[in-house]
């Protein structure tokens, strides 16, 4: 049996009387895309926040490559190989595409960001940044201000920034949000190829993309995983159809 790259074990998170995560155990295996779906308010954002370190669970643990990272801060998790893209862009909009990628490459070294300007002249960091931008197809816009990019191009840039960290695993929070059908198609094709470089834990509402990409799907409802399985298994699951998919299945 292949050991998971990323795993949660019994994660529970409460906010007063509200249980946002209840005993959530999921894992991400090498080379796969594991999608997490569910209705609004199901606890997907809370789960991602715990995995990435912006929220601390009340109980349970998170492992990356077999190492317990539950108590580590967000930055330490990134340095350990957890690459994240956001539902709402976290890019520096006034900086160029290349500057954003160099900033990611600098972060991967563990050096303080106050050395950002000298880093722009660092040949090794620029090469890492340029390779990541080439990987996502942004070679032609490296000198473009990020605010001038299309929504889809910003999504590509977020992935490039994550790639500079040479991640063991990606955590992607609704990467298709705001994309049109053509943009979703392009990103779907890219993510399908990316899984061979590092597996992807994917939170997504675009069910066409989920069904096209996912090797496995976990369904969250009211903070609990009610089902995990292949696309076909999830489509056939009556509890999932009733709670979330309905006619989409």
Foldseek 3Di string as FASTA:
>chain_A
DFDFQKWWAQFWAADVPATLAGGDIDTHHALFEEEEEEDPSLNPVVVVCQQQAVDQTPDTFMDGRRHTCRPPHNLVVLLVFEFEQDPDHPFDQQQFLLLRLLLLLVSNVVDDCVCSVVSVVVPVSSVLLCVLCVLLPNNPRRRPRNNPDDLLVSLSSSSSSSVSNQHQEYEYEASCPPPDPVSLVSVLVSVQVCSNSHYYYHYHDPVVSCLSGGQKYFYGGSNYTPDMDGSVVLVPDPVNCVRPCPPVD
